[in-house]
Amino acid sequence: PPDWQDILAHFRGSELQNYFTKILEDNLKAMIKPQYVDHIPKAIKGIVQDILDSKNERKTLDYMLSELDLKNVLQR
């Protein structure tokens, strides 16, 4: 198999170069999207506000709540 430098050189200037560079630098996070939304209450416990606060790494919660019109479900 080719080494990382060969891979990066081959994909230079493309989106794949950026992707492979992020892999090498450990700047990617694996995310899991639930397939069945009716199973979410069984997997996640707590109030919506607390759950969203704990996941607010980018500090954009207020903006997202407004854009997605979620302010009325925060206490559920």
N, C-alpha and C. Protein backbone atom coordinates (compact mmCIF):
# COMPACT_ATOMS: atom_id res chain seq x y z
N PRO A 1 0.83 -1.21 0.00
CA PRO A 1 0.00 0.00 0.00
C PRO A 1 0.87 1.26 0.00
N PRO A 2 0.37 2.34 -0.56
CA PRO A 2 1.15 3.58 -0.58
C PRO A 2 1.24 4.21 0.81
N ASP A 3 2.27 5.01 1.01
CA ASP A 3 2.37 5.71 2.29
C ASP A 3 1.54 7.00 2.21
N TRP A 4 1.38 7.65 3.35
CA TRP A 4 0.51 8.82 3.42
C TRP A 4 0.99 9.96 2.52
N GLN A 5 2.29 10.13 2.40
CA GLN A 5 2.80 11.21 1.54
C GLN A 5 2.40 10.99 0.09
N ASP A 6 2.44 9.74 -0.38
CA ASP A 6 2.02 9.43 -1.75
C ASP A 6 0.52 9.69 -1.92
N ILE A 7 -0.25 9.33 -0.92
CA ILE A 7 -1.70 9.55 -0.99
C ILE A 7 -2.00 11.04 -1.06
N LEU A 8 -1.36 11.82 -0.19
CA LEU A 8 -1.60 13.26 -0.18
C LEU A 8 -1.15 13.90 -1.49
N ALA A 9 -0.03 13.44 -2.04
CA ALA A 9 0.46 13.98 -3.31
C ALA A 9 -0.50 13.65 -4.45
N HIS A 10 -1.05 12.45 -4.42
CA HIS A 10 -1.97 12.03 -5.48
C HIS A 10 -3.25 12.87 -5.48
N PHE A 11 -3.74 13.20 -4.30
CA PHE A 11 -5.00 13.94 -4.18
C PHE A 11 -4.79 15.44 -3.94
N ARG A 12 -3.60 15.95 -4.21
CA ARG A 12 -3.28 17.36 -3.98
C ARG A 12 -4.29 18.26 -4.70
N GLY A 13 -4.80 19.24 -3.98
CA GLY A 13 -5.72 20.21 -4.56
C GLY A 13 -7.18 19.78 -4.55
N SER A 14 -7.49 18.62 -4.01
CA SER A 14 -8.87 18.14 -3.98
C SER A 14 -9.40 18.12 -2.55
N GLU A 15 -10.68 17.90 -2.42
CA GLU A 15 -11.28 17.77 -1.10
C GLU A 15 -10.74 16.56 -0.35
N LEU A 16 -10.38 15.52 -1.09
CA LEU A 16 -9.83 14.32 -0.44
C LEU A 16 -8.50 14.61 0.23
N GLN A 17 -7.72 15.52 -0.32
CA GLN A 17 -6.47 15.89 0.34
C GLN A 17 -6.77 16.48 1.72
N ASN A 18 -7.75 17.37 1.77
CA ASN A 18 -8.13 17.97 3.07
C ASN A 18 -8.63 16.90 4.03
N TYR A 19 -9.42 15.97 3.53
CA TYR A 19 -9.97 14.91 4.36
C TYR A 19 -8.85 14.02 4.92
N PHE A 20 -7.95 13.58 4.05
CA PHE A 20 -6.85 12.72 4.51
C PHE A 20 -5.92 13.46 5.46
N THR A 21 -5.72 14.74 5.24
CA THR A 21 -4.88 15.54 6.15
C THR A 21 -5.52 15.59 7.53
N LYS A 22 -6.84 15.78 7.58
CA LYS A 22 -7.54 15.81 8.87
C LYS A 22 -7.45 14.46 9.57
N ILE A 23 -7.50 13.37 8.80
CA ILE A 23 -7.34 12.04 9.40
C ILE A 23 -5.97 11.93 10.05
N LEU A 24 -4.95 12.36 9.33
CA LEU A 24 -3.58 12.27 9.86
C LEU A 24 -3.40 13.12 11.11
N GLU A 25 -4.05 14.27 11.15
CA GLU A 25 -3.90 15.18 12.29
C GLU A 25 -4.87 14.88 13.42
N ASP A 26 -5.67 13.83 13.29
CA ASP A 26 -6.67 13.46 14.30
C ASP A 26 -7.66 14.58 14.57
N ASN A 27 -8.07 15.29 13.52
CA ASN A 27 -9.03 16.39 13.67
C ASN A 27 -10.45 15.99 13.33
N LEU A 28 -10.71 14.71 13.18
CA LEU A 28 -12.05 14.26 12.84
C LEU A 28 -12.68 13.54 14.02
N LYS A 29 -13.99 13.68 14.12
CA LYS A 29 -14.74 13.00 15.17
C LYS A 29 -15.73 12.06 14.51
N ALA A 30 -15.84 10.88 15.03
CA ALA A 30 -16.84 9.94 14.53
C ALA A 30 -18.19 10.28 15.17
N MET A 31 -19.21 10.36 14.35
CA MET A 31 -20.55 10.68 14.83
C MET A 31 -21.47 9.53 14.45
N ILE A 32 -22.40 9.25 15.33
CA ILE A 32 -23.39 8.20 15.08
C ILE A 32 -24.77 8.84 15.05
N LYS A 33 -25.48 8.60 13.98
CA LYS A 33 -26.83 9.13 13.82
C LYS A 33 -27.83 8.01 14.07
N PRO A 34 -28.72 8.19 15.03
CA PRO A 34 -29.73 7.15 15.27
C PRO A 34 -30.61 6.94 14.04
N GLN A 35 -30.86 5.70 13.69
CA GLN A 35 -31.68 5.40 12.53
C GLN A 35 -33.17 5.40 12.86
N TYR A 36 -33.50 5.08 14.06
CA TYR A 36 -34.90 5.03 14.47
C TYR A 36 -35.14 6.06 15.57
N VAL A 37 -35.78 7.16 15.21
CA VAL A 37 -35.96 8.25 16.17
C VAL A 37 -36.83 7.85 17.35
N ASP A 38 -37.66 6.82 17.18
CA ASP A 38 -38.48 6.39 18.30
C ASP A 38 -37.67 5.69 19.37
N HIS A 39 -36.43 5.31 19.07
CA HIS A 39 -35.54 4.68 20.06
C HIS A 39 -34.70 5.69 20.83
N ILE A 40 -34.69 6.93 20.41
CA ILE A 40 -33.86 7.95 21.06
C ILE A 40 -34.19 8.10 22.55
N PRO A 41 -35.46 8.16 22.96
CA PRO A 41 -35.74 8.29 24.40
C PRO A 41 -35.20 7.13 25.24
N LYS A 42 -35.05 5.97 24.65
CA LYS A 42 -34.50 4.83 25.39
C LYS A 42 -32.98 4.94 25.52
N ALA A 43 -32.33 5.60 24.56
CA ALA A 43 -30.88 5.69 24.55
C ALA A 43 -30.36 6.93 25.28
N ILE A 44 -31.16 8.00 25.31
CA ILE A 44 -30.71 9.26 25.89
C ILE A 44 -31.70 9.67 26.97
N LYS A 45 -31.20 9.93 28.14
CA LYS A 45 -32.04 10.33 29.27
C LYS A 45 -31.76 11.79 29.62
N GLY A 46 -32.75 12.50 30.03
CA GLY A 46 -32.57 13.86 30.50
C GLY A 46 -33.48 14.84 29.77
N ILE A 47 -33.32 16.10 30.13
CA ILE A 47 -34.08 17.19 29.54
C ILE A 47 -33.34 17.67 28.29
N VAL A 48 -34.09 18.07 27.28
CA VAL A 48 -33.50 18.51 26.01
C VAL A 48 -32.46 19.59 26.24
N GLN A 49 -32.77 20.57 27.07
CA GLN A 49 -31.84 21.69 27.34
C GLN A 49 -30.50 21.16 27.87
N ASP A 50 -30.53 20.26 28.83
CA ASP A 50 -29.30 19.72 29.41
C ASP A 50 -28.49 18.93 28.39
N ILE A 51 -29.18 18.15 27.57
CA ILE A 51 -28.49 17.35 26.56
C ILE A 51 -27.82 18.25 25.53
N LEU A 52 -28.55 19.25 25.05
CA LEU A 52 -27.98 20.17 24.05
C LEU A 52 -26.83 20.99 24.64
N ASP A 53 -26.97 21.42 25.90
CA ASP A 53 -25.89 22.16 26.56
C ASP A 53 -24.61 21.32 26.62
N SER A 54 -24.74 20.04 26.89
CA SER A 54 -23.56 19.19 27.00
C SER A 54 -22.88 18.94 25.66
N LYS A 55 -23.61 19.11 24.57
CA LYS A 55 -23.07 18.88 23.22
C LYS A 55 -22.69 20.17 22.50
N ASN A 56 -22.79 21.30 23.17
CA ASN A 56 -22.58 22.61 22.56
C ASN A 56 -21.10 23.00 22.50
N GLU A 57 -20.31 22.24 21.77
CA GLU A 57 -18.86 22.48 21.70
C GLU A 57 -18.52 23.77 20.96
N ARG A 58 -19.30 24.11 19.97
CA ARG A 58 -19.01 25.30 19.14
C ARG A 58 -19.64 26.57 19.69
N LYS A 59 -20.36 26.46 20.77
CA LYS A 59 -21.02 27.61 21.41
C LYS A 59 -21.99 28.30 20.45
N THR A 60 -22.76 27.50 19.71
CA THR A 60 -23.74 28.04 18.76
C THR A 60 -25.15 27.62 19.11
N LEU A 61 -25.38 27.21 20.33
CA LEU A 61 -26.67 26.67 20.72
C LEU A 61 -27.81 27.67 20.52
N ASP A 62 -27.64 28.91 20.97
CA ASP A 62 -28.71 29.90 20.83
C ASP A 62 -29.09 30.12 19.38
N TYR A 63 -28.09 30.21 18.52
CA TYR A 63 -28.34 30.41 17.09
C TYR A 63 -29.10 29.21 16.51
N MET A 64 -28.64 28.00 16.85
CA MET A 64 -29.27 26.80 16.31
C MET A 64 -30.70 26.64 16.83
N LEU A 65 -30.91 26.94 18.10
CA LEU A 65 -32.27 26.86 18.64
C LEU A 65 -33.21 27.80 17.89
N SER A 66 -32.73 28.98 17.58
CA SER A 66 -33.53 29.95 16.85
C SER A 66 -33.77 29.50 15.41
N GLU A 67 -32.73 29.08 14.73
CA GLU A 67 -32.84 28.66 13.32
C GLU A 67 -33.73 27.43 13.15
N LEU A 68 -33.64 26.51 14.09
CA LEU A 68 -34.40 25.27 13.99
C LEU A 68 -35.74 25.32 14.74
N ASP A 69 -36.03 26.48 15.33
CA ASP A 69 -37.27 26.70 16.07
C ASP A 69 -37.48 25.62 17.13
N LEU A 70 -36.47 25.45 17.99
CA LEU A 70 -36.52 24.42 19.02
C LEU A 70 -36.72 24.97 20.44
N LYS A 71 -36.89 26.27 20.57
CA LYS A 71 -36.98 26.85 21.91
C LYS A 71 -38.17 26.33 22.70
N ASN A 72 -39.22 25.89 22.01
CA ASN A 72 -40.41 25.43 22.72
C ASN A 72 -40.29 24.00 23.23
N VAL A 73 -39.20 23.28 22.93
CA VAL A 73 -39.07 21.89 23.39
C VAL A 73 -37.94 21.72 24.42
N LEU A 74 -37.35 22.79 24.87
CA LEU A 74 -36.18 22.71 25.76
C LEU A 74 -36.45 22.03 27.09
N GLN A 75 -37.66 22.12 27.60
CA GLN A 75 -37.95 21.55 28.91
C GLN A 75 -38.52 20.13 28.85
N ARG A 76 -38.54 19.55 27.68
CA ARG A 76 -39.05 18.18 27.56
C ARG A 76 -38.00 17.17 27.97
